[in-house]
Amino acid sequence: MGATLKSRLPEIAAELRPKVSAAIKEAAEVVAAEARVRVPIGPPDVHIKDDIRVARQGPAEYAVLAGDENTWYGHMVEFGTSHSAPRPFLVPALEEHRGAAVNFVRVALRTLE
């Protein structure tokens, strides 16, 4: 009498993408919130702080974006220009919460059944 083994890999794979995607989005939201705290507020009436958001780029892929058509100068604040020194806010926000981002994914992977 033989035993029949059934692989759960297809089921686990089906669970994997949505859980990891949710964890990555949650991590991106934490980084975006920190970037909003760190971004310098300048004299214009329209501020980059109001336009920092998380955008889905693909399956389980999210980006933290700073700016839109009104606040298009986020990269200039982050990296500086020939007329102004850099005032980074996105990269430091990511660096501060890198461990938390990894932990969100780790927890999501541990919940796979």
PDB file of N, CA and C in Angstrom:
ATOM      1  N   MET A   1       0.839  -1.165   0.000  1.00  0.00           N
ATOM      2  CA  MET A   1       0.000   0.000   0.000  1.00  0.00           C
ATOM      3  C   MET A   1       0.900   1.250   0.000  1.00  0.00           C
ATOM      4  N   GLY A   2       0.745   2.107  -1.016  1.00  0.00           N
ATOM      5  CA  GLY A   2       1.585   3.288  -1.156  1.00  0.00           C
ATOM      6  C   GLY A   2       0.909   4.536  -0.614  1.00  0.00           C
ATOM      7  N   ALA A   3       1.722   5.460  -0.268  1.00  0.00           N
ATOM      8  CA  ALA A   3       1.216   6.746   0.217  1.00  0.00           C
ATOM      9  C   ALA A   3       1.225   7.742  -0.931  1.00  0.00           C
ATOM     10  N   THR A   4       0.241   8.597  -0.962  1.00  0.00           N
ATOM     11  CA  THR A   4       0.175   9.636  -1.972  1.00  0.00           C
ATOM     12  C   THR A   4       0.459  10.970  -1.290  1.00  0.00           C
ATOM     13  N   LEU A   5       1.433  11.654  -1.817  1.00  0.00           N
ATOM     14  CA  LEU A   5       1.792  12.964  -1.281  1.00  0.00           C
ATOM     15  C   LEU A   5       1.221  14.042  -2.189  1.00  0.00           C
ATOM     16  N   LYS A   6       0.689  15.048  -1.578  1.00  0.00           N
ATOM     17  CA  LYS A   6       0.139  16.163  -2.343  1.00  0.00           C
ATOM     18  C   LYS A   6       0.907  17.426  -1.967  1.00  0.00           C
ATOM     19  N   SER A   7       1.435  18.097  -2.960  1.00  0.00           N
ATOM     20  CA  SER A   7       2.192  19.321  -2.739  1.00  0.00           C
ATOM     21  C   SER A   7       1.256  20.488  -2.453  1.00  0.00           C
ATOM     22  N   ARG A   8       1.630  21.271  -1.466  1.00  0.00           N
ATOM     23  CA  ARG A   8       0.889  22.494  -1.160  1.00  0.00           C
ATOM     24  C   ARG A   8       1.534  23.718  -1.786  1.00  0.00           C
ATOM     25  N   LEU A   9       2.592  23.501  -2.566  1.00  0.00           N
ATOM     26  CA  LEU A   9       3.305  24.635  -3.157  1.00  0.00           C
ATOM     27  C   LEU A   9       2.408  25.535  -4.010  1.00  0.00           C
ATOM     28  N   PRO A  10       1.525  24.999  -4.857  1.00  0.00           N
ATOM     29  CA  PRO A  10       0.653  25.912  -5.613  1.00  0.00           C
ATOM     30  C   PRO A  10      -0.236  26.780  -4.715  1.00  0.00           C
ATOM     31  N   GLU A  11      -0.741  26.211  -3.639  1.00  0.00           N
ATOM     32  CA  GLU A  11      -1.573  26.979  -2.714  1.00  0.00           C
ATOM     33  C   GLU A  11      -0.760  28.051  -2.001  1.00  0.00           C
ATOM     34  N   ILE A  12       0.430  27.678  -1.576  1.00  0.00           N
ATOM     35  CA  ILE A  12       1.304  28.639  -0.893  1.00  0.00           C
ATOM     36  C   ILE A  12       1.686  29.764  -1.847  1.00  0.00           C
ATOM     37  N   ALA A  13       2.019  29.419  -3.088  1.00  0.00           N
ATOM     38  CA  ALA A  13       2.372  30.437  -4.082  1.00  0.00           C
ATOM     39  C   ALA A  13       1.214  31.391  -4.327  1.00  0.00           C
ATOM     40  N   ALA A  14      -0.006  30.877  -4.350  1.00  0.00           N
ATOM     41  CA  ALA A  14      -1.184  31.726  -4.550  1.00  0.00           C
ATOM     42  C   ALA A  14      -1.378  32.693  -3.388  1.00  0.00           C
ATOM     43  N   GLU A  15      -1.026  32.271  -2.174  1.00  0.00           N
ATOM     44  CA  GLU A  15      -1.138  33.128  -0.988  1.00  0.00           C
ATOM     45  C   GLU A  15      -0.001  34.140  -0.912  1.00  0.00           C
ATOM     46  N   LEU A  16       1.120  33.782  -1.479  1.00  0.00           N
ATOM     47  CA  LEU A  16       2.342  34.561  -1.316  1.00  0.00           C
ATOM     48  C   LEU A  16       2.234  35.984  -1.863  1.00  0.00           C
ATOM     49  N   ARG A  17       1.854  36.126  -3.116  1.00  0.00           N
ATOM     50  CA  ARG A  17       1.854  37.451  -3.749  1.00  0.00           C
ATOM     51  C   ARG A  17       0.969  38.454  -3.027  1.00  0.00           C
ATOM     52  N   PRO A  18      -0.307  38.151  -2.709  1.00  0.00           N
ATOM     53  CA  PRO A  18      -1.115  39.174  -2.038  1.00  0.00           C
ATOM     54  C   PRO A  18      -0.601  39.544  -0.641  1.00  0.00           C
ATOM     55  N   LYS A  19      -0.073  38.566   0.077  1.00  0.00           N
ATOM     56  CA  LYS A  19       0.431  38.868   1.426  1.00  0.00           C
ATOM     57  C   LYS A  19       1.701  39.710   1.363  1.00  0.00           C
ATOM     58  N   VAL A  20       2.614  39.351   0.473  1.00  0.00           N
ATOM     59  CA  VAL A  20       3.850  40.129   0.342  1.00  0.00           C
ATOM     60  C   VAL A  20       3.536  41.514  -0.220  1.00  0.00           C
ATOM     61  N   SER A  21       2.622  41.585  -1.166  1.00  0.00           N
ATOM     62  CA  SER A  21       2.231  42.872  -1.736  1.00  0.00           C
ATOM     63  C   SER A  21       1.662  43.792  -0.657  1.00  0.00           C
ATOM     64  N   ALA A  22       0.802  43.269   0.196  1.00  0.00           N
ATOM     65  CA  ALA A  22       0.231  44.068   1.281  1.00  0.00           C
ATOM     66  C   ALA A  22       1.306  44.527   2.258  1.00  0.00           C
ATOM     67  N   ALA A  23       2.265  43.653   2.541  1.00  0.00           N
ATOM     68  CA  ALA A  23       3.355  44.006   3.455  1.00  0.00           C
ATOM     69  C   ALA A  23       4.235  45.101   2.855  1.00  0.00           C
ATOM     70  N   ILE A  24       4.518  45.005   1.563  1.00  0.00           N
ATOM     71  CA  ILE A  24       5.345  46.017   0.909  1.00  0.00           C
ATOM     72  C   ILE A  24       4.608  47.353   0.869  1.00  0.00           C
ATOM     73  N   LYS A  25       3.316  47.310   0.596  1.00  0.00           N
ATOM     74  CA  LYS A  25       2.537  48.556   0.595  1.00  0.00           C
ATOM     75  C   LYS A  25       2.533  49.180   1.986  1.00  0.00           C
ATOM     76  N   GLU A  26       2.366  48.368   3.015  1.00  0.00           N
ATOM     77  CA  GLU A  26       2.374  48.875   4.386  1.00  0.00           C
ATOM     78  C   GLU A  26       3.726  49.526   4.709  1.00  0.00           C
ATOM     79  N   ALA A  27       4.803  48.888   4.293  1.00  0.00           N
ATOM     80  CA  ALA A  27       6.136  49.447   4.510  1.00  0.00           C
ATOM     81  C   ALA A  27       6.291  50.771   3.763  1.00  0.00           C
ATOM     82  N   ALA A  28       5.802  50.830   2.533  1.00  0.00           N
ATOM     83  CA  ALA A  28       5.888  52.065   1.751  1.00  0.00           C
ATOM     84  C   ALA A  28       5.092  53.185   2.419  1.00  0.00           C
ATOM     85  N   GLU A  29       3.953  52.857   3.006  1.00  0.00           N
ATOM     86  CA  GLU A  29       3.149  53.867   3.709  1.00  0.00           C
ATOM     87  C   GLU A  29       3.903  54.426   4.914  1.00  0.00           C
ATOM     88  N   VAL A  30       4.639  53.567   5.609  1.00  0.00           N
ATOM     89  CA  VAL A  30       5.445  54.022   6.754  1.00  0.00           C
ATOM     90  C   VAL A  30       6.544  54.968   6.271  1.00  0.00           C
ATOM     91  N   VAL A  31       7.202  54.607   5.189  1.00  0.00           N
ATOM     92  CA  VAL A  31       8.268  55.459   4.629  1.00  0.00           C
ATOM     93  C   VAL A  31       7.672  56.789   4.159  1.00  0.00           C
ATOM     94  N   ALA A  32       6.521  56.758   3.514  1.00  0.00           N
ATOM     95  CA  ALA A  32       5.874  57.992   3.050  1.00  0.00           C
ATOM     96  C   ALA A  32       5.521  58.898   4.230  1.00  0.00           C
ATOM     97  N   ALA A  33       5.012  58.319   5.297  1.00  0.00           N
ATOM     98  CA  ALA A  33       4.668  59.120   6.481  1.00  0.00           C
ATOM     99  C   ALA A  33       5.911  59.785   7.064  1.00  0.00           C
ATOM    100  N   GLU A  34       7.012  59.040   7.115  1.00  0.00           N
ATOM    101  CA  GLU A  34       8.266  59.612   7.626  1.00  0.00           C
ATOM    102  C   GLU A  34       8.783  60.700   6.687  1.00  0.00           C
ATOM    103  N   ALA A  35       8.669  60.497   5.389  1.00  0.00           N
ATOM    104  CA  ALA A  35       9.111  61.511   4.424  1.00  0.00           C
ATOM    105  C   ALA A  35       8.311  62.796   4.600  1.00  0.00           C
ATOM    106  N   ARG A  36       7.020  62.676   4.881  1.00  0.00           N
ATOM    107  CA  ARG A  36       6.190  63.874   5.113  1.00  0.00           C
ATOM    108  C   ARG A  36       6.669  64.665   6.331  1.00  0.00           C
ATOM    109  N   VAL A  37       7.171  63.951   7.325  1.00  0.00           N
ATOM    110  CA  VAL A  37       7.697  64.617   8.523  1.00  0.00           C
ATOM    111  C   VAL A  37       9.025  65.300   8.211  1.00  0.00           C
ATOM    112  N   ARG A  38       9.845  64.683   7.375  1.00  0.00           N
ATOM    113  CA  ARG A  38      11.192  65.162   7.107  1.00  0.00           C
ATOM    114  C   ARG A  38      11.296  66.242   6.025  1.00  0.00           C
ATOM    115  N   VAL A  39      10.339  66.301   5.113  1.00  0.00           N
ATOM    116  CA  VAL A  39      10.465  67.222   3.986  1.00  0.00           C
ATOM    117  C   VAL A  39      10.436  68.670   4.468  1.00  0.00           C
ATOM    118  N   PRO A  40      11.360  69.490   3.964  1.00  0.00           N
ATOM    119  CA  PRO A  40      11.342  70.901   4.366  1.00  0.00           C
ATOM    120  C   PRO A  40      10.114  71.610   3.780  1.00  0.00           C
ATOM    121  N   ILE A  41       9.591  72.518   4.558  1.00  0.00           N
ATOM    122  CA  ILE A  41       8.442  73.314   4.115  1.00  0.00           C
ATOM    123  C   ILE A  41       8.977  74.670   3.692  1.00  0.00           C
ATOM    124  N   GLY A  42       8.744  75.009   2.444  1.00  0.00           N
ATOM    125  CA  GLY A  42       9.233  76.282   1.907  1.00  0.00           C
ATOM    126  C   GLY A  42       8.128  77.312   1.804  1.00  0.00           C
ATOM    127  N   PRO A  43       8.439  78.452   1.198  1.00  0.00           N
ATOM    128  CA  PRO A  43       7.484  79.543   1.119  1.00  0.00           C
ATOM    129  C   PRO A  43       6.315  79.361   0.158  1.00  0.00           C
ATOM    130  N   PRO A  44       6.370  78.473  -0.836  1.00  0.00           N
ATOM    131  CA  PRO A  44       5.221  78.428  -1.761  1.00  0.00           C
ATOM    132  C   PRO A  44       3.935  77.998  -1.056  1.00  0.00           C
ATOM    133  N   ASP A  45       2.835  78.305  -1.698  1.00  0.00           N
ATOM    134  CA  ASP A  45       1.535  77.911  -1.161  1.00  0.00           C
ATOM    135  C   ASP A  45       1.291  76.412  -1.329  1.00  0.00           C
ATOM    136  N   VAL A  46       1.960  75.804  -2.287  1.00  0.00           N
ATOM    137  CA  VAL A  46       1.815  74.382  -2.559  1.00  0.00           C
ATOM    138  C   VAL A  46       3.062  73.684  -2.043  1.00  0.00           C
ATOM    139  N   HIS A  47       2.887  72.669  -1.198  1.00  0.00           N
ATOM    140  CA  HIS A  47       4.028  72.013  -0.570  1.00  0.00           C
ATOM    141  C   HIS A  47       4.157  70.561  -1.017  1.00  0.00           C
ATOM    142  N   ILE A  48       5.394  70.106  -1.138  1.00  0.00           N
ATOM    143  CA  ILE A  48       5.667  68.712  -1.491  1.00  0.00           C
ATOM    144  C   ILE A  48       5.034  67.788  -0.456  1.00  0.00           C
ATOM    145  N   LYS A  49       5.045  68.199   0.791  1.00  0.00           N
ATOM    146  CA  LYS A  49       4.507  67.374   1.875  1.00  0.00           C
ATOM    147  C   LYS A  49       3.098  66.869   1.554  1.00  0.00           C
ATOM    148  N   ASP A  50       2.311  67.709   0.920  1.00  0.00           N
ATOM    149  CA  ASP A  50       0.932  67.349   0.591  1.00  0.00           C
ATOM    150  C   ASP A  50       0.846  66.361  -0.575  1.00  0.00           C
ATOM    151  N   ASP A  51       1.944  66.182  -1.291  1.00  0.00           N
ATOM    152  CA  ASP A  51       1.938  65.330  -2.480  1.00  0.00           C
ATOM    153  C   ASP A  51       2.883  64.139  -2.374  1.00  0.00           C
ATOM    154  N   ILE A  52       3.220  63.738  -1.163  1.00  0.00           N
ATOM    155  CA  ILE A  52       3.981  62.501  -0.969  1.00  0.00           C
ATOM    156  C   ILE A  52       2.969  61.382  -0.843  1.00  0.00           C
ATOM    157  N   ARG A  53       3.116  60.371  -1.694  1.00  0.00           N
ATOM    158  CA  ARG A  53       2.125  59.297  -1.728  1.00  0.00           C
ATOM    159  C   ARG A  53       2.772  57.990  -2.149  1.00  0.00           C
ATOM    160  N   VAL A  54       2.037  56.923  -1.944  1.00  0.00           N
ATOM    161  CA  VAL A  54       2.463  55.588  -2.360  1.00  0.00           C
ATOM    162  C   VAL A  54       1.690  55.243  -3.622  1.00  0.00           C
ATOM    163  N   ALA A  55       2.418  54.758  -4.621  1.00  0.00           N
ATOM    164  CA  ALA A  55       1.788  54.377  -5.887  1.00  0.00           C
ATOM    165  C   ALA A  55       2.211  52.958  -6.251  1.00  0.00           C
ATOM    166  N   ARG A  56       1.249  52.201  -6.716  1.00  0.00           N
ATOM    167  CA  ARG A  56       1.545  50.827  -7.148  1.00  0.00           C
ATOM    168  C   ARG A  56       2.250  50.898  -8.501  1.00  0.00           C
ATOM    169  N   GLN A  57       3.369  50.179  -8.601  1.00  0.00           N
ATOM    170  CA  GLN A  57       4.161  50.152  -9.826  1.00  0.00           C
ATOM    171  C   GLN A  57       3.997  48.844 -10.586  1.00  0.00           C
ATOM    172  N   GLY A  58       3.585  47.808  -9.880  1.00  0.00           N
ATOM    173  CA  GLY A  58       3.421  46.492 -10.475  1.00  0.00           C
ATOM    174  C   GLY A  58       3.009  45.521  -9.395  1.00  0.00           C
ATOM    175  N   PRO A  59       2.954  44.231  -9.740  1.00  0.00           N
ATOM    176  CA  PRO A  59       2.593  43.242  -8.723  1.00  0.00           C
ATOM    177  C   PRO A  59       3.603  43.251  -7.569  1.00  0.00           C
ATOM    178  N   ALA A  60       3.122  43.464  -6.375  1.00  0.00           N
ATOM    179  CA  ALA A  60       3.966  43.494  -5.169  1.00  0.00           C
ATOM    180  C   ALA A  60       5.090  44.523  -5.291  1.00  0.00           C
ATOM    181  N   GLU A  61       4.825  45.626  -6.001  1.00  0.00           N
ATOM    182  CA  GLU A  61       5.838  46.670  -6.189  1.00  0.00           C
ATOM    183  C   GLU A  61       5.184  48.037  -5.982  1.00  0.00           C
ATOM    184  N   TYR A  62       5.692  48.776  -5.006  1.00  0.00           N
ATOM    185  CA  TYR A  62       5.162  50.096  -4.688  1.00  0.00           C
ATOM    186  C   TYR A  62       6.307  51.096  -4.632  1.00  0.00           C
ATOM    187  N   ALA A  63       5.990  52.340  -4.944  1.00  0.00           N
ATOM    188  CA  ALA A  63       6.976  53.415  -4.886  1.00  0.00           C
ATOM    189  C   ALA A  63       6.430  54.539  -4.024  1.00  0.00           C
ATOM    190  N   VAL A  64       7.327  55.214  -3.334  1.00  0.00           N
ATOM    191  CA  VAL A  64       6.962  56.423  -2.606  1.00  0.00           C
ATOM    192  C   VAL A  64       7.328  57.573  -3.529  1.00  0.00           C
ATOM    193  N   LEU A  65       6.338  58.353  -3.912  1.00  0.00           N
ATOM    194  CA  LEU A  65       6.528  59.458  -4.839  1.00  0.00           C
ATOM    195  C   LEU A  65       6.362  60.783  -4.114  1.00  0.00           C
ATOM    196  N   ALA A  66       7.151  61.752  -4.523  1.00  0.00           N
ATOM    197  CA  ALA A  66       7.083  63.080  -3.924  1.00  0.00           C
ATOM    198  C   ALA A  66       6.877  64.096  -5.030  1.00  0.00           C
ATOM    199  N   GLY A  67       5.657  64.582  -5.137  1.00  0.00           N
ATOM    200  CA  GLY A  67       5.364  65.614  -6.114  1.00  0.00           C
ATOM    201  C   GLY A  67       4.335  65.180  -7.127  1.00  0.00           C
ATOM    202  N   ASP A  68       3.840  66.171  -7.843  1.00  0.00           N
ATOM    203  CA  ASP A  68       2.914  65.965  -8.952  1.00  0.00           C
ATOM    204  C   ASP A  68       3.100  67.144  -9.896  1.00  0.00           C
ATOM    205  N   GLU A  69       2.090  67.467 -10.707  1.00  0.00           N
ATOM    206  CA  GLU A  69       2.254  68.568 -11.663  1.00  0.00           C
ATOM    207  C   GLU A  69       2.400  69.923 -10.981  1.00  0.00           C
ATOM    208  N   ASN A  70       1.917  70.059  -9.752  1.00  0.00           N
ATOM    209  CA  ASN A  70       2.063  71.322  -9.018  1.00  0.00           C
ATOM    210  C   ASN A  70       3.345  71.379  -8.195  1.00  0.00           C
ATOM    211  N   THR A  71       3.773  70.243  -7.685  1.00  0.00           N
ATOM    212  CA  THR A  71       4.980  70.175  -6.853  1.00  0.00           C
ATOM    213  C   THR A  71       5.984  69.234  -7.514  1.00  0.00           C
ATOM    214  N   TRP A  72       6.447  69.627  -8.668  1.00  0.00           N
ATOM    215  CA  TRP A  72       7.315  68.808  -9.514  1.00  0.00           C
ATOM    216  C   TRP A  72       8.776  68.851  -9.073  1.00  0.00           C
ATOM    217  N   TYR A  73       9.111  69.618  -8.073  1.00  0.00           N
ATOM    218  CA  TYR A  73      10.498  69.896  -7.712  1.00  0.00           C
ATOM    219  C   TYR A  73      11.024  69.035  -6.561  1.00  0.00           C
ATOM    220  N   GLY A  74      10.353  67.930  -6.224  1.00  0.00           N
ATOM    221  CA  GLY A  74      10.794  67.076  -5.117  1.00  0.00           C
ATOM    222  C   GLY A  74      12.211  66.561  -5.294  1.00  0.00           C
ATOM    223  N   HIS A  75      12.565  66.169  -6.511  1.00  0.00           N
ATOM    224  CA  HIS A  75      13.923  65.674  -6.770  1.00  0.00           C
ATOM    225  C   HIS A  75      14.965  66.764  -6.546  1.00  0.00           C
ATOM    226  N   MET A  76      14.585  68.011  -6.783  1.00  0.00           N
ATOM    227  CA  MET A  76      15.522  69.122  -6.596  1.00  0.00           C
ATOM    228  C   MET A  76      15.786  69.364  -5.107  1.00  0.00           C
ATOM    229  N   VAL A  77      14.758  69.174  -4.293  1.00  0.00           N
ATOM    230  CA  VAL A  77      14.930  69.314  -2.844  1.00  0.00           C
ATOM    231  C   VAL A  77      15.785  68.156  -2.333  1.00  0.00           C
ATOM    232  N   GLU A  78      15.450  66.936  -2.762  1.00  0.00           N
ATOM    233  CA  GLU A  78      16.152  65.733  -2.291  1.00  0.00           C
ATOM    234  C   GLU A  78      17.639  65.760  -2.650  1.00  0.00           C
ATOM    235  N   PHE A  79      17.958  66.092  -3.896  1.00  0.00           N
ATOM    236  CA  PHE A  79      19.333  65.972  -4.386  1.00  0.00           C
ATOM    237  C   PHE A  79      20.054  67.300  -4.558  1.00  0.00           C
ATOM    238  N   GLY A  80      19.342  68.409  -4.444  1.00  0.00           N
ATOM    239  CA  GLY A  80      19.961  69.720  -4.590  1.00  0.00           C
ATOM    240  C   GLY A  80      20.079  70.123  -6.054  1.00  0.00           C
ATOM    241  N   THR A  81      20.494  71.345  -6.249  1.00  0.00           N
ATOM    242  CA  THR A  81      20.714  71.894  -7.591  1.00  0.00           C
ATOM    243  C   THR A  81      22.011  72.682  -7.569  1.00  0.00           C
ATOM    244  N   SER A  82      22.322  73.302  -8.677  1.00  0.00           N
ATOM    245  CA  SER A  82      23.520  74.140  -8.706  1.00  0.00           C
ATOM    246  C   SER A  82      23.330  75.386  -7.857  1.00  0.00           C
ATOM    247  N   HIS A  83      22.075  75.677  -7.471  1.00  0.00           N
ATOM    248  CA  HIS A  83      21.780  76.869  -6.665  1.00  0.00           C
ATOM    249  C   HIS A  83      21.386  76.565  -5.219  1.00  0.00           C
ATOM    250  N   SER A  84      21.129  75.300  -4.914  1.00  0.00           N
ATOM    251  CA  SER A  84      20.713  74.977  -3.545  1.00  0.00           C
ATOM    252  C   SER A  84      21.281  73.620  -3.117  1.00  0.00           C
ATOM    253  N   ALA A  85      21.577  73.537  -1.853  1.00  0.00           N
ATOM    254  CA  ALA A  85      22.143  72.300  -1.296  1.00  0.00           C
ATOM    255  C   ALA A  85      21.044  71.239  -1.194  1.00  0.00           C
ATOM    256  N   PRO A  86      21.439  69.976  -1.249  1.00  0.00           N
ATOM    257  CA  PRO A  86      20.437  68.914  -1.075  1.00  0.00           C
ATOM    258  C   PRO A  86      19.839  68.940   0.333  1.00  0.00           C
ATOM    259  N   ARG A  87      18.565  68.621   0.406  1.00  0.00           N
ATOM    260  CA  ARG A  87      17.872  68.509   1.688  1.00  0.00           C
ATOM    261  C   ARG A  87      17.087  67.201   1.652  1.00  0.00           C
ATOM    262  N   PRO A  88      17.809  66.085   1.771  1.00  0.00           N
ATOM    263  CA  PRO A  88      17.181  64.772   1.606  1.00  0.00           C
ATOM    264  C   PRO A  88      16.075  64.510   2.628  1.00  0.00           C
ATOM    265  N   PHE A  89      15.009  63.902   2.143  1.00  0.00           N
ATOM    266  CA  PHE A  89      13.896  63.512   3.005  1.00  0.00           C
ATOM    267  C   PHE A  89      13.398  62.112   2.661  1.00  0.00           C
ATOM    268  N   LEU A  90      13.481  61.704   1.393  1.00  0.00           N
ATOM    269  CA  LEU A  90      13.019  60.376   1.003  1.00  0.00           C
ATOM    270  C   LEU A  90      14.009  59.284   1.401  1.00  0.00           C
ATOM    271  N   VAL A  91      15.266  59.452   1.017  1.00  0.00           N
ATOM    272  CA  VAL A  91      16.265  58.420   1.323  1.00  0.00           C
ATOM    273  C   VAL A  91      16.426  58.242   2.831  1.00  0.00           C
ATOM    274  N   PRO A  92      16.524  59.313   3.623  1.00  0.00           N
ATOM    275  CA  PRO A  92      16.610  59.112   5.074  1.00  0.00           C
ATOM    276  C   PRO A  92      15.368  58.425   5.658  1.00  0.00           C
ATOM    277  N   ALA A  93      14.196  58.709   5.102  1.00  0.00           N
ATOM    278  CA  ALA A  93      12.977  58.043   5.581  1.00  0.00           C
ATOM    279  C   ALA A  93      13.056  56.546   5.320  1.00  0.00           C
ATOM    280  N   LEU A  94      13.542  56.170   4.155  1.00  0.00           N
ATOM    281  CA  LEU A  94      13.704  54.751   3.842  1.00  0.00           C
ATOM    282  C   LEU A  94      14.764  54.112   4.729  1.00  0.00           C
ATOM    283  N   GLU A  95      15.886  54.788   4.890  1.00  0.00           N
ATOM    284  CA  GLU A  95      16.960  54.238   5.716  1.00  0.00           C
ATOM    285  C   GLU A  95      16.492  54.024   7.156  1.00  0.00           C
ATOM    286  N   GLU A  96      15.713  54.963   7.675  1.00  0.00           N
ATOM    287  CA  GLU A  96      15.247  54.840   9.055  1.00  0.00           C
ATOM    288  C   GLU A  96      14.293  53.658   9.233  1.00  0.00           C
ATOM    289  N   HIS A  97      13.517  53.350   8.209  1.00  0.00           N
ATOM    290  CA  HIS A  97      12.489  52.320   8.341  1.00  0.00           C
ATOM    291  C   HIS A  97      12.778  51.063   7.526  1.00  0.00           C
ATOM    292  N   ARG A  98      14.000  50.904   7.079  1.00  0.00           N
ATOM    293  CA  ARG A  98      14.372  49.720   6.300  1.00  0.00           C
ATOM    294  C   ARG A  98      14.120  48.436   7.082  1.00  0.00           C
ATOM    295  N   GLY A  99      14.517  48.406   8.333  1.00  0.00           N
ATOM    296  CA  GLY A  99      14.309  47.223   9.171  1.00  0.00           C
ATOM    297  C   GLY A  99      12.833  46.901   9.342  1.00  0.00           C
ATOM    298  N   ALA A 100      12.017  47.926   9.509  1.00  0.00           N
ATOM    299  CA  ALA A 100      10.578  47.711   9.644  1.00  0.00           C
ATOM    300  C   ALA A 100      10.002  47.150   8.353  1.00  0.00           C
ATOM    301  N   ALA A 101      10.482  47.633   7.222  1.00  0.00           N
ATOM    302  CA  ALA A 101       9.998  47.132   5.934  1.00  0.00           C
ATOM    303  C   ALA A 101      10.309  45.649   5.778  1.00  0.00           C
ATOM    304  N   VAL A 102      11.517  45.275   6.112  1.00  0.00           N
ATOM    305  CA  VAL A 102      11.906  43.862   6.043  1.00  0.00           C
ATOM    306  C   VAL A 102      11.056  43.042   7.004  1.00  0.00           C
ATOM    307  N   ASN A 103      10.784  43.603   8.167  1.00  0.00           N
ATOM    308  CA  ASN A 103       9.980  42.891   9.161  1.00  0.00           C
ATOM    309  C   ASN A 103       8.537  42.684   8.685  1.00  0.00           C
ATOM    310  N   PHE A 104       7.954  43.678   8.016  1.00  0.00           N
ATOM    311  CA  PHE A 104       6.598  43.512   7.483  1.00  0.00           C
ATOM    312  C   PHE A 104       6.535  42.306   6.550  1.00  0.00           C
ATOM    313  N   VAL A 105       7.532  42.183   5.686  1.00  0.00           N
ATOM    314  CA  VAL A 105       7.558  41.052   4.745  1.00  0.00           C
ATOM    315  C   VAL A 105       7.806  39.746   5.495  1.00  0.00           C
ATOM    316  N   ARG A 106       8.710  39.775   6.457  1.00  0.00           N
ATOM    317  CA  ARG A 106       9.001  38.577   7.250  1.00  0.00           C
ATOM    318  C   ARG A 106       7.738  38.062   7.946  1.00  0.00           C
ATOM    319  N   VAL A 107       6.981  38.961   8.543  1.00  0.00           N
ATOM    320  CA  VAL A 107       5.742  38.568   9.219  1.00  0.00           C
ATOM    321  C   VAL A 107       4.743  38.001   8.208  1.00  0.00           C
ATOM    322  N   ALA A 108       4.639  38.625   7.044  1.00  0.00           N
ATOM    323  CA  ALA A 108       3.720  38.127   6.018  1.00  0.00           C
ATOM    324  C   ALA A 108       4.104  36.709   5.590  1.00  0.00           C
ATOM    325  N   LEU A 109       5.394  36.459   5.454  1.00  0.00           N
ATOM    326  CA  LEU A 109       5.835  35.126   5.053  1.00  0.00           C
ATOM    327  C   LEU A 109       5.558  34.090   6.142  1.00  0.00           C
ATOM    328  N   ARG A 110       5.667  34.491   7.378  1.00  0.00           N
ATOM    329  CA  ARG A 110       5.408  33.559   8.478  1.00  0.00           C
ATOM    330  C   ARG A 110       3.929  33.193   8.600  1.00  0.00           C
ATOM    331  N   THR A 111       3.060  34.033   8.058  1.00  0.00           N
ATOM    332  CA  THR A 111       1.631  33.730   8.158  1.00  0.00           C
ATOM    333  C   THR A 111       1.139  32.787   7.067  1.00  0.00           C
ATOM    334  N   LEU A 112       2.019  32.432   6.144  1.00  0.00           N
ATOM    335  CA  LEU A 112       1.623  31.478   5.112  1.00  0.00           C
ATOM    336  C   LEU A 112       1.355  30.132   5.772  1.00  0.00           C
ATOM    337  N   GLU A 113       0.291  29.503   5.398  1.00  0.00           N
ATOM    338  CA  GLU A 113      -0.077  28.227   6.029  1.00  0.00           C
ATOM    339  C   GLU A 113       0.352  27.071   5.187  1.00  0.00           C
TER     340      GLU A 113
END
